[in-house]
Protein backbone atom coordinates (compact mmCIF):
# COMPACT_ATOMS: atom_id res chain seq x y z
CA UNK A 1 0.00 -0.02 -0.05
CA UNK A 2 2.83 2.44 0.95
CA UNK A 3 4.56 1.75 -2.42
CA UNK A 4 1.37 2.63 -4.36
CA UNK A 5 1.16 5.92 -2.37
CA UNK A 6 4.67 6.92 -3.19
CA UNK A 7 4.05 6.13 -7.03
CA UNK A 8 1.07 8.46 -7.02
CA UNK A 9 2.99 11.18 -5.45
CA UNK A 10 5.94 10.94 -7.88
CA UNK A 11 3.66 10.87 -10.94
CA UNK A 12 1.84 14.03 -9.79
CA UNK A 13 4.98 15.73 -8.71
CA UNK A 14 6.83 15.22 -12.02
CA UNK A 15 3.94 15.71 -14.37
CA UNK A 16 4.42 18.31 -17.22
CA UNK A 17 3.93 21.86 -16.13
CA UNK A 18 0.28 23.15 -16.85
CA UNK A 19 0.20 26.77 -15.58
CA UNK A 20 0.85 30.18 -17.25
CA UNK A 21 4.21 31.14 -15.73
CA UNK A 22 7.49 30.88 -17.82
CA UNK A 23 8.59 27.26 -18.27
CA UNK A 24 11.37 25.16 -19.95
CA UNK A 25 10.48 23.04 -22.98
CA UNK A 26 12.50 19.79 -23.09
CA UNK A 27 13.27 18.27 -26.61
CA UNK A 28 14.80 14.75 -26.65
CA UNK A 29 14.76 11.39 -28.26
CA UNK A 30 12.76 8.68 -26.55
CA UNK A 31 15.35 6.11 -27.64
CA UNK A 32 18.06 7.97 -25.55
CA UNK A 33 15.73 7.83 -22.48
CA UNK A 34 15.28 4.01 -22.94
CA UNK A 35 18.77 3.19 -23.83
CA UNK A 36 20.19 5.21 -20.89
CA UNK A 37 17.67 3.82 -18.40
CA UNK A 38 15.68 6.95 -17.83
CA UNK A 39 18.45 9.45 -18.06
CA UNK A 40 16.20 12.18 -19.50
CA UNK A 41 13.51 11.59 -17.06
CA UNK A 42 15.87 11.82 -14.21
CA UNK A 43 17.24 15.04 -15.50
CA UNK A 44 13.70 16.43 -15.74
CA UNK A 45 13.01 15.26 -12.17
CA UNK A 46 16.28 16.94 -10.97
CA UNK A 47 15.16 20.24 -12.56
CA UNK A 48 11.76 20.04 -11.04
CA UNK A 49 13.31 19.22 -7.62
CA UNK A 50 15.34 22.37 -7.91
CA UNK A 51 12.08 24.35 -8.45
CA UNK A 52 12.12 24.70 -12.17
CA UNK A 53 8.82 24.55 -14.28
CA UNK A 54 9.32 22.03 -16.97
CA UNK A 55 7.30 20.77 -19.85
CA UNK A 56 8.03 17.64 -21.83
CA UNK A 57 5.86 15.31 -24.04
CA UNK A 58 4.65 12.95 -21.40
CA UNK A 59 0.85 11.97 -21.55
CA UNK A 60 0.09 13.53 -24.90
CA UNK A 61 -2.92 11.70 -26.31
CA UNK A 62 -3.01 10.15 -29.72
CA UNK A 63 -3.75 12.57 -32.51
CA UNK A 64 -2.74 15.66 -30.44
CA UNK A 65 0.98 15.40 -30.65
CA UNK A 66 1.75 18.20 -33.30
CA UNK A 67 -0.98 20.65 -31.87
CA UNK A 68 0.27 20.35 -28.29
CA UNK A 69 4.05 20.50 -29.16
CA UNK A 70 3.45 23.62 -31.28
CA UNK A 71 1.48 25.17 -28.54
CA UNK A 72 3.88 24.56 -25.86
CA UNK A 73 6.80 25.87 -27.96
CA UNK A 74 4.81 29.05 -28.53
CA UNK A 75 4.40 29.49 -24.74
CA UNK A 76 7.81 28.31 -23.36
CA UNK A 77 10.49 30.59 -22.17
CA UNK A 78 13.50 28.28 -22.60
CA UNK A 79 14.17 25.52 -25.09
CA UNK A 80 16.50 22.63 -24.00
CA UNK A 81 17.40 20.08 -26.64
CA UNK A 82 19.37 16.99 -25.71
CA UNK A 83 21.59 15.99 -28.54
CA UNK A 84 22.94 12.55 -29.45
CA UNK A 85 23.12 10.30 -32.50
CA UNK A 86 19.51 9.41 -31.84
CA UNK A 87 18.20 12.88 -31.50
CA UNK A 88 20.15 14.19 -34.43
CA UNK A 89 18.54 11.49 -36.58
CA UNK A 90 15.10 12.00 -35.09
CA UNK A 91 12.58 13.89 -37.42
CA UNK A 92 10.60 14.96 -34.41
CA UNK A 93 13.59 16.61 -32.60
CA UNK A 94 14.65 18.18 -35.87
CA UNK A 95 11.10 19.50 -36.44
CA UNK A 96 11.07 21.05 -32.96
CA UNK A 97 14.43 22.79 -33.45
CA UNK A 98 13.23 24.14 -36.89
CA UNK A 99 9.98 25.23 -35.43
CA UNK A 100 11.85 27.20 -32.72
CA UNK A 101 14.07 28.86 -35.57
CA UNK A 102 11.04 29.92 -37.51
CA UNK A 103 9.47 31.71 -34.62
CA UNK A 104 9.12 35.44 -35.15
CA UNK A 105 12.00 37.57 -33.74
CA UNK A 106 9.90 39.06 -31.05
CA UNK A 107 9.10 35.50 -29.83
CA UNK A 108 12.59 34.19 -29.67
CA UNK A 109 13.64 32.56 -26.45
CA UNK A 110 16.66 30.98 -24.83
CA UNK A 111 17.96 27.90 -26.73
CA UNK A 112 20.25 25.56 -24.85
CA UNK A 113 21.65 22.58 -26.81
CA UNK A 114 23.30 19.95 -24.74
CA UNK A 115 25.18 16.78 -25.84
CA UNK A 116 24.52 13.64 -23.91
CA UNK A 117 26.97 11.62 -26.06
CA UNK A 118 30.12 12.32 -28.09
CA UNK A 119 29.19 14.88 -30.76
CA UNK A 120 28.49 13.42 -34.24
CA UNK A 121 28.12 15.10 -37.59
CA UNK A 122 24.82 16.74 -37.88
CA UNK A 123 22.74 17.73 -40.92
CA UNK A 124 23.96 20.96 -42.47
CA UNK A 125 20.66 22.76 -41.67
CA UNK A 126 20.75 21.69 -38.05
CA UNK A 127 24.40 22.38 -37.78
CA UNK A 128 23.96 25.95 -39.01
CA UNK A 129 21.40 26.61 -36.19
CA UNK A 130 23.35 24.99 -33.45
CA UNK A 131 26.67 26.67 -34.34
CA UNK A 132 25.14 29.99 -33.37
CA UNK A 133 24.76 28.71 -29.83
CA UNK A 134 27.26 27.55 -27.31
CA UNK A 135 26.57 23.78 -27.00
CA UNK A 136 27.12 22.40 -23.46
CA UNK A 137 29.33 19.41 -23.12
CA UNK A 138 30.35 19.69 -26.82
CA UNK A 139 33.89 18.49 -25.94
CA UNK A 140 32.70 15.79 -23.74
CA UNK A 141 34.79 12.47 -23.59
CA UNK A 142 32.39 10.33 -21.49
CA UNK A 143 28.64 10.32 -21.13
CA UNK A 144 27.53 12.81 -18.56
CA UNK A 145 25.75 11.82 -15.29
CA UNK A 146 22.40 13.12 -14.21
CA UNK A 147 23.95 15.31 -11.64
CA UNK A 148 26.41 16.88 -14.15
CA UNK A 149 23.51 17.75 -16.59
CA UNK A 150 21.32 19.16 -13.83
CA UNK A 151 24.20 21.15 -12.34
CA UNK A 152 25.31 22.45 -15.85
CA UNK A 153 21.75 23.51 -16.82
CA UNK A 154 21.09 25.30 -13.54
CA UNK A 155 24.45 26.91 -12.98
CA UNK A 156 25.34 30.42 -14.32
CA UNK A 157 21.67 30.76 -15.14
CA UNK A 158 21.79 28.73 -18.30
CA UNK A 159 18.10 28.20 -17.78
CA UNK A 160 16.51 31.73 -17.27
CA UNK A 161 15.52 32.37 -13.64
CA UNK A 162 12.08 33.21 -14.48
CA UNK A 163 11.40 29.59 -15.20
CA UNK A 164 11.96 28.79 -11.59
CA UNK A 165 9.41 29.20 -8.86
CA UNK A 166 10.09 32.47 -7.14
CA UNK A 167 10.30 31.44 -3.50
CA UNK A 168 11.94 33.10 -0.69
CA UNK A 169 13.81 30.26 0.83
CA UNK A 170 16.36 30.23 3.64
CA UNK A 171 17.81 27.08 5.38
CA UNK A 172 15.05 25.20 3.94
CA UNK A 173 12.18 27.47 5.06
CA UNK A 174 9.86 29.11 2.57
CA UNK A 175 9.15 32.59 4.03
CA UNK A 176 7.26 34.14 1.19
CA UNK A 177 5.86 33.32 -2.21
CA UNK A 178 4.82 35.52 -5.22
CA UNK A 179 1.49 37.18 -4.85
CA UNK A 180 0.41 36.16 -8.36
CA UNK A 181 1.65 32.60 -8.31
CA UNK A 182 -0.76 30.13 -9.95
CA UNK A 183 1.11 26.92 -9.19
CA UNK A 184 3.53 26.11 -6.34
CA UNK A 185 6.17 23.41 -6.22
CA UNK A 186 7.71 22.88 -2.74
CA UNK A 187 10.62 21.19 -4.29
CA UNK A 188 12.99 18.69 -2.86
CA UNK A 189 15.09 20.33 -0.10
CA UNK A 190 12.35 22.57 1.24
CA UNK A 191 11.50 21.53 4.89
CA UNK A 192 9.12 23.94 6.09
CA UNK A 193 6.63 26.63 4.99
CA UNK A 194 6.49 29.56 7.52
CA UNK A 195 3.22 30.85 8.98
CA UNK A 196 1.28 32.98 6.34
CA UNK A 197 3.87 32.39 3.61
CA UNK A 198 1.32 31.76 0.92
CA UNK A 199 -1.65 33.38 2.66
CA UNK A 200 -4.39 34.87 0.30
CA UNK A 201 -2.64 33.77 -2.92
CA UNK A 202 -5.92 34.09 -4.69
CA UNK A 203 -4.55 32.77 -8.14
CA UNK A 204 -2.90 29.67 -6.67
CA UNK A 205 -4.46 26.59 -8.43
CA UNK A 206 -1.87 23.80 -7.95
CA UNK A 207 0.31 22.81 -5.04
CA UNK A 208 3.02 20.13 -5.04
CA UNK A 209 4.51 19.11 -1.79
CA UNK A 210 7.84 17.20 -1.90
CA UNK A 211 8.69 14.44 0.48
CA UNK A 212 11.26 16.63 2.30
CA UNK A 213 8.71 19.09 3.64
CA UNK A 214 7.87 18.21 7.28
CA UNK A 215 5.96 21.28 8.52
CA UNK A 216 3.33 23.67 7.10
CA UNK A 217 2.90 26.76 9.26
CA UNK A 218 -0.20 28.37 10.77
CA UNK A 219 -2.23 30.08 7.98
CA UNK A 220 0.41 29.17 5.48
CA UNK A 221 -2.18 28.67 2.61
CA UNK A 222 -5.27 30.32 4.26
CA UNK A 223 -7.47 32.09 1.72
CA UNK A 224 -6.03 30.41 -1.33
CA UNK A 225 -9.38 30.60 -3.04
CA UNK A 226 -8.86 28.67 -6.19
CA UNK A 227 -6.80 25.94 -4.76
CA UNK A 228 -8.65 22.62 -5.62
CA UNK A 229 -6.70 19.72 -4.36
CA UNK A 230 -4.16 18.98 -1.67
CA UNK A 231 -2.21 15.81 -1.15
CA UNK A 232 -0.23 15.55 2.14
CA UNK A 233 2.78 13.22 1.66
CA UNK A 234 3.86 10.79 4.35
CA UNK A 235 6.97 12.52 5.79
CA UNK A 236 4.90 15.57 6.69
CA UNK A 237 4.81 15.93 10.49
CA UNK A 238 2.43 18.94 11.10
CA UNK A 239 -0.16 21.15 9.56
CA UNK A 240 -0.51 24.41 11.43
CA UNK A 241 -3.62 26.05 12.65
CA UNK A 242 -5.87 27.47 9.95
CA UNK A 243 -3.30 26.29 7.38
CA UNK A 244 -5.77 25.76 4.49
CA UNK A 245 -8.73 27.71 6.10
CA UNK A 246 -11.06 29.45 3.64
CA UNK A 247 -9.76 27.55 0.58
CA UNK A 248 -13.24 27.72 -0.81
CA UNK A 249 -12.63 25.93 -4.00
CA UNK A 250 -10.70 22.94 -2.46
CA UNK A 251 -12.64 19.69 -3.48
CA UNK A 252 -10.25 16.90 -2.51
CA UNK A 253 -7.88 16.29 0.40
CA UNK A 254 -5.56 13.19 0.81
CA UNK A 255 -3.62 12.69 3.95
CA UNK A 256 -1.19 9.62 3.49
CA UNK A 257 0.24 9.24 6.88
CA UNK A 258 0.09 10.27 10.54
CA UNK A 259 0.36 13.99 10.85
CA UNK A 260 -0.49 16.55 13.60
CA UNK A 261 -3.32 18.66 12.16
CA UNK A 262 -3.73 22.08 13.71
CA UNK A 263 -7.07 23.63 14.86
CA UNK A 264 -9.35 24.69 12.04
CA UNK A 265 -6.77 23.60 9.46
CA UNK A 266 -9.46 23.11 6.71
CA UNK A 267 -12.38 25.20 8.15
CA UNK A 268 -14.59 26.79 5.64
CA UNK A 269 -13.37 24.78 2.75
CA UNK A 270 -16.98 24.81 1.49
CA UNK A 271 -16.58 22.72 -1.59
CA UNK A 272 -14.49 19.92 0.03
CA UNK A 273 -16.40 16.82 -0.85
CA UNK A 274 -13.72 14.01 -0.82
CA UNK A 275 -11.51 13.57 2.21
CA UNK A 276 -9.23 10.49 2.52
CA UNK A 277 -7.51 10.37 6.00
CA UNK A 278 -4.70 8.04 6.91
CA UNK A 279 -5.62 5.31 9.42
CA UNK A 280 -2.61 6.51 11.36
CA UNK A 281 -4.23 9.66 12.47
CA UNK A 282 -5.16 9.60 16.22
CA UNK A 283 -6.92 12.97 16.63
CA UNK A 284 -8.93 15.44 14.65
CA UNK A 285 -8.36 18.70 16.35
CA UNK A 286 -10.83 21.50 17.16
CA UNK A 287 -12.78 22.90 14.17
CA UNK A 288 -10.54 21.07 11.51
CA UNK A 289 -13.41 20.41 9.06
CA UNK A 290 -15.87 22.99 10.45
CA UNK A 291 -18.19 24.32 7.70
CA UNK A 292 -17.09 21.94 5.03
CA UNK A 293 -20.65 22.29 3.58
CA UNK A 294 -20.17 19.90 0.68
CA UNK A 295 -18.93 16.82 2.65
CA UNK A 296 -21.59 14.08 2.43
CA UNK A 297 -19.72 11.11 3.96
CA UNK A 298 -16.34 10.30 5.51
CA UNK A 299 -14.42 7.27 6.64
CA UNK A 300 -12.73 8.20 9.86
CA UNK A 301 -9.21 6.82 10.71
CA UNK A 302 -9.15 3.33 12.14
CA UNK A 303 -6.68 4.46 14.91
CA UNK A 304 -8.75 7.61 15.87
CA UNK A 305 -8.80 8.35 19.59
CA UNK A 306 -10.40 11.75 19.98
CA UNK A 307 -12.48 14.31 17.94
CA UNK A 308 -12.05 17.83 19.08
CA UNK A 309 -14.61 20.66 19.62
CA UNK A 310 -16.50 21.63 16.40
CA UNK A 311 -14.54 19.35 14.31
CA UNK A 312 -17.41 18.71 11.84
CA UNK A 313 -19.79 21.41 12.86
CA UNK A 314 -21.97 22.96 10.06
CA UNK A 315 -21.06 20.26 7.62
CA UNK A 316 -24.49 20.72 6.15
CA UNK A 317 -24.56 17.81 3.73
CA UNK A 318 -23.04 15.19 6.05
CA UNK A 319 -25.54 12.36 6.23
CA UNK A 320 -23.88 9.37 8.05
CA UNK A 321 -20.79 8.75 9.98
CA UNK A 322 -19.31 5.86 11.94
CA UNK A 323 -17.07 6.61 14.93
CA UNK A 324 -14.27 3.87 14.73
CA UNK A 325 -13.75 1.38 17.63
CA UNK A 326 -11.00 2.84 19.79
CA UNK A 327 -12.18 6.47 19.84
CA UNK A 328 -12.77 7.48 23.43
CA UNK A 329 -13.73 11.15 23.29
CA UNK A 330 -16.21 13.19 21.31
CA UNK A 331 -15.85 16.79 22.46
CA UNK A 332 -18.21 19.84 22.40
CA UNK A 333 -20.19 20.68 19.30
CA UNK A 334 -18.42 18.18 17.17
CA UNK A 335 -21.56 17.68 14.88
CA UNK A 336 -23.46 20.83 15.69
CA UNK A 337 -25.36 22.24 12.67
CA UNK A 338 -25.05 19.12 10.60
CA UNK A 339 -28.59 19.64 9.58
CA UNK A 340 -28.69 16.43 7.34
CA UNK A 341 -27.15 13.97 9.69
CA UNK A 342 -29.46 11.03 9.73
CA UNK A 343 -27.27 8.32 11.30
CA UNK A 344 -24.27 8.04 13.54
CA UNK A 345 -22.73 4.89 15.11
CA UNK A 346 -20.91 5.36 18.41
CA UNK A 347 -18.64 2.53 19.45
CA UNK A 348 -18.38 0.77 22.93
CA UNK A 349 -15.02 2.65 23.56
CA UNK A 350 -16.40 6.26 23.71
CA UNK A 351 -16.31 7.52 27.36
CA UNK A 352 -17.38 11.09 26.95
CA UNK A 353 -19.83 12.91 24.63
CA UNK A 354 -19.39 16.69 25.02
CA UNK A 355 -21.76 19.56 25.24
CA UNK A 356 -24.16 20.31 22.34
CA UNK A 357 -22.33 17.67 20.24
CA UNK A 358 -25.44 17.05 18.15
CA UNK A 359 -26.91 20.49 18.41
CA UNK A 360 -29.43 21.22 15.50
CA UNK A 361 -28.97 17.81 13.80
CA UNK A 362 -32.47 18.27 12.55
CA UNK A 363 -32.87 14.90 10.74
CA UNK A 364 -31.28 12.55 13.45
CA UNK A 365 -34.13 10.31 14.54
CA UNK A 366 -32.53 7.99 16.94
CA UNK A 367 -29.26 7.27 18.80
CA UNK A 368 -27.77 4.43 20.80
CA UNK A 369 -25.50 5.16 23.77
CA UNK A 370 -23.06 2.31 24.43
CA UNK A 371 -22.13 0.96 27.96
CA UNK A 372 -18.67 2.75 27.80
CA UNK A 373 -20.09 6.41 28.11
CA UNK A 374 -19.47 7.80 31.47
CA UNK A 375 -20.13 11.46 30.85
CA UNK A 376 -22.61 13.27 28.67
CA UNK A 377 -22.55 17.03 28.89
CA UNK A 378 -25.71 19.09 28.88
CA UNK A 379 -27.41 19.96 25.62
CA UNK A 380 -26.03 17.00 23.68
CA UNK A 381 -29.31 16.69 21.60
CA UNK A 382 -30.45 20.32 21.68
CA UNK A 383 -32.41 21.30 18.56
CA UNK A 384 -32.62 17.62 17.17
CA UNK A 385 -36.04 18.33 15.93
CA UNK A 386 -36.70 14.81 14.53
CA UNK A 387 -35.16 12.95 17.52
CA UNK A 388 -37.68 10.36 18.69
CA UNK A 389 -35.65 7.93 20.76
CA UNK A 390 -32.47 7.89 22.90
CA UNK A 391 -31.58 4.19 23.71
CA UNK A 392 -29.03 3.31 26.26
CA UNK A 393 -27.16 -0.05 26.58
CA UNK A 394 -28.54 -1.78 29.58
CA UNK A 395 -25.15 -2.38 30.97
CA UNK A 396 -24.15 1.36 31.12
CA UNK A 397 -23.52 2.04 34.77
CA UNK A 398 -24.23 5.81 34.47
CA UNK A 399 -27.18 6.28 32.40
CA UNK A 400 -30.50 4.63 31.41
CA UNK A 401 -33.43 5.36 29.04
CA UNK A 402 -37.15 4.99 29.89
CA UNK A 403 -39.27 4.71 26.83
CA UNK A 404 -36.67 6.49 24.78
CA UNK A 405 -36.06 9.35 27.32
CA UNK A 406 -32.51 9.81 28.81
CA UNK A 407 -32.10 9.77 32.47
CA UNK A 408 -29.32 9.21 35.00
CA UNK A 409 -29.01 5.72 36.20
CA UNK A 410 -31.01 6.15 39.43
CA UNK A 411 -33.59 8.23 37.75
CA UNK A 412 -32.65 11.28 39.96
CA UNK A 413 -32.17 13.49 36.92
CA UNK A 414 -33.61 13.75 33.43
CA UNK A 415 -31.02 14.61 30.88
CA UNK A 416 -32.80 14.81 27.50
CA UNK A 417 -36.42 14.40 26.26
CA UNK A 418 -36.25 13.82 22.48
CA UNK A 419 -37.52 16.90 20.74
CA UNK A 420 -39.47 14.87 18.15
CA UNK A 421 -41.14 12.45 20.63
CA UNK A 422 -44.82 12.60 20.95
CA UNK A 423 -46.40 12.13 24.33
CA UNK A 424 -50.02 10.97 25.15
CA UNK A 425 -52.28 14.02 25.24
CA UNK A 426 -49.27 16.12 24.98
CA UNK A 427 -48.36 15.59 28.63
CA UNK A 428 -45.28 14.10 30.10
CA UNK A 429 -45.17 12.95 33.80
CA UNK A 430 -41.80 13.20 35.34
CA UNK A 431 -40.89 10.29 37.60
CA UNK A 432 -41.24 11.18 41.21
CA UNK A 433 -37.50 10.33 41.83
CA UNK A 434 -36.34 13.16 39.74
CA UNK A 435 -34.59 15.94 41.61
CA UNK A 436 -32.87 17.76 38.72
CA UNK A 437 -34.01 18.80 35.28
CA UNK A 438 -30.70 19.18 33.48
CA UNK A 439 -29.65 22.14 31.23
CA UNK A 440 -31.56 22.01 27.97
CA UNK A 441 -33.37 18.76 28.96
CA UNK A 442 -36.69 19.68 27.16
CA UNK A 443 -35.36 22.28 24.92
CA UNK A 444 -37.14 22.75 21.46
CA UNK A 445 -39.64 19.96 22.26
CA UNK A 446 -42.25 20.23 19.45
CA UNK A 447 -45.26 18.30 20.90
CA UNK A 448 -45.36 18.80 24.71
CA UNK A 449 -48.04 21.01 26.13
CA UNK A 450 -47.32 20.24 29.81
CA UNK A 451 -44.74 18.55 32.01
CA UNK A 452 -46.09 17.32 35.25
CA UNK A 453 -43.51 17.47 38.10
CA UNK A 454 -44.00 15.64 41.42
CA UNK A 455 -42.83 16.91 44.73
CA UNK A 456 -38.90 16.38 44.89
CA UNK A 457 -37.80 18.48 41.89
CA UNK A 458 -35.16 20.82 43.30
CA UNK A 459 -33.40 22.30 40.21
CA UNK A 460 -34.47 23.50 36.82
CA UNK A 461 -31.29 23.84 34.60
CA UNK A 462 -30.24 26.47 32.18
CA UNK A 463 -32.58 26.57 29.14
CA UNK A 464 -34.42 23.40 30.46
CA UNK A 465 -37.56 24.16 28.56
CA UNK A 466 -36.17 26.74 26.03
CA UNK A 467 -38.23 27.23 23.08
CA UNK A 468 -40.93 24.78 23.98
CA UNK A 469 -43.47 26.72 22.09
CA UNK A 470 -46.34 24.28 22.64
CA UNK A 471 -46.24 24.24 26.44
CA UNK A 472 -49.13 26.04 28.03
CA UNK A 473 -48.70 25.25 31.67
CA UNK A 474 -45.92 24.70 34.15
CA UNK A 475 -46.39 23.93 37.80
CA UNK A 476 -43.30 23.65 39.97
CA UNK A 477 -43.50 21.92 43.41
CA UNK A 478 -42.54 23.45 46.71
CA UNK A 479 -39.16 21.53 46.75
CA UNK A 480 -37.87 23.73 43.87
CA UNK A 481 -34.92 25.78 45.07
CA UNK A 482 -33.09 26.84 41.78
CA UNK A 483 -34.32 27.99 38.34
CA UNK A 484 -31.35 28.89 36.16
CA UNK A 485 -30.94 31.34 33.23
CA UNK A 486 -33.33 31.22 30.27
CA UNK A 487 -35.07 28.08 31.76
CA UNK A 488 -38.43 28.76 30.05
CA UNK A 489 -37.25 31.38 27.47
CA UNK A 490 -39.05 31.26 24.15
CA UNK A 491 -42.22 29.34 25.51
CA UNK A 492 -44.43 31.65 23.49
CA UNK A 493 -47.70 29.97 24.34
CA UNK A 494 -47.04 29.46 28.06
CA UNK A 495 -50.23 30.77 29.86
CA UNK A 496 -49.76 29.64 33.41
CA UNK A 497 -46.58 29.48 35.49
CA UNK A 498 -46.99 28.26 39.12
CA UNK A 499 -44.12 28.24 41.68
CA UNK A 500 -45.23 26.72 45.07
CA UNK A 501 -42.00 27.25 46.78
CA UNK A 502 -41.39 30.40 48.79
CA UNK A 503 -37.78 29.80 49.57
CA UNK A 504 -36.31 29.87 46.04
CA UNK A 505 -32.57 30.70 46.09
CA UNK A 506 -32.02 31.42 42.40
CA UNK A 507 -34.19 32.69 39.71
CA UNK A 508 -32.05 33.23 36.62
CA UNK A 509 -31.67 35.85 34.03
CA UNK A 510 -34.24 35.73 31.24
CA UNK A 511 -36.18 32.82 32.84
CA UNK A 512 -39.46 33.95 31.29
CA UNK A 513 -38.13 36.00 28.44
CA UNK A 514 -40.61 36.01 25.59
CA UNK A 515 -43.50 34.46 27.46
CA UNK A 516 -45.83 37.32 26.58
CA UNK A 517 -49.11 35.45 27.50
CA UNK A 518 -48.01 34.14 30.80
CA UNK A 519 -49.80 34.62 34.21
CA UNK A 520 -47.30 34.06 37.07
CA UNK A 521 -48.55 32.71 40.42
CA UNK A 522 -45.67 32.81 43.02
CA UNK A 523 -44.69 34.34 46.35
CA UNK A 524 -40.96 33.66 46.32
CA UNK A 525 -39.12 37.16 46.80
CA UNK A 526 -36.96 36.45 43.89
CA UNK A 527 -39.86 35.92 41.56
CA UNK A 528 -41.48 39.03 42.92
CA UNK A 529 -38.42 41.04 42.21
CA UNK A 530 -38.11 39.52 38.77
CA UNK A 531 -41.73 40.44 37.82
CA UNK A 532 -41.29 43.99 39.11
CA UNK A 533 -37.99 44.44 37.14
CA UNK A 534 -39.56 43.28 33.82
CA UNK A 535 -43.01 44.61 34.42
CA UNK A 536 -44.69 41.05 34.36
CA UNK A 537 -48.19 40.30 35.61
CA UNK A 538 -47.92 38.36 38.96
CA UNK A 539 -50.60 36.89 41.24
CA UNK A 540 -50.29 35.54 44.69
CA UNK A 541 -50.09 31.69 44.96
CA UNK A 542 -53.30 31.44 46.88
CA UNK A 543 -55.06 32.76 43.87
CA UNK A 544 -54.09 29.92 41.66
CA UNK A 545 -56.96 27.63 40.86
CA UNK A 546 -55.56 24.19 39.50
CA UNK A 547 -59.02 23.30 38.16
CA UNK A 548 -59.00 26.22 35.57
């Protein structure tokens, strides 16, 4: 498998140049390349490794040869012809040299003839052309090596400098790139791209990363808005925070090996639809793929241990995902805003499910919590409008479900009532053992008109009934001591709010915000003060008639 990966990288790295910047045209005999065991290919690879843009006739389709050759000769800025008995006798090489000589004077470019064998007599016409130029190695006694050829071509500016990627490189670190670069070759010898070195290069379309690069700095390629594909080679060790953030045209990402990926590295790559991750990756950091709105599905790495905050938040088209066995942690907001997520499989190795992990996953209908989960932070399922059932493994020592409703193991607290679950007559009766209604426990429930609470409930958590717009009546027992911020905010149709306790210690900010129809029956001093502050209608508790 590793060998296949390396082959793919090399083929892409050494493919003929396709951009619009100055480049070198290579003319040679294929017989020389074969007889000398890829000598010409290796010279071309050497030039590319040194940062030169090179075009040669690889991959030309049948029937397009003449047209493409002529086109590239019109566009190139330097013409290198490898001379040998084979090339001197080749009608194709001769044609290319003559085509060059027939170019208008204003289009003439640098011609570099170079013997790769002992010079032989040449046809008169070709000889007249070549005699005008200094022929490299024209007095050679032995066949030159690849290194000799590459060194000669690149020394003393034999190939014009404009044919080379204009990078600012010192000690193997790229500190700056041209503002108008359309393609970028991080050639062999480059070890690192400094933070922001290629940020906002809005014309950059192609990026080649050699296998000597070990680090891409923070925001190195952020805002490269037309970059479409990135392949991360095996030796790379780290990708900095926000490295490719806002590359809005990126469509494909391949990571071949284990690499440390910084926070928000690919955030807002809104067209990224294909992601191939190495099984060696152990963690997906905070916000790495946040707002990758074209991502439909993804195979997570087999060795994944943790998924950081908001890693896949707002991936609008994500429909299904399977967390691999071995993953232990799903942090806050990981799938928040994945409005099309229909199915998720959580393995029996996950121990923590963070806060608001599935917030606003509007198409998620049911979920299974394995026995391994020890902690689920409040609001896991807030805004899951279609959620009808939360099922818990019967062997879980911390949680249980009762008819699809999530509770603590001893039924002393209710954690989540599925927002899409229908209750008989619109009424849900809380078990008498419940003391705490956790944060956001009933938030966004669409069908509940009333939640009946027995004596014993002591605490109503933050946003516990937030946006329950069908609820008309709330009666809290005299054991209630704490009502936290925004507990009933957005209950637009709440008509009756009864608090039997007169010793309330906390009545949070915005508890009844937006409840424009409500009549409040309570004597607790904190409620009295709240009603005066916000000019709400309040009645003494003795005026409440439960039969009305």
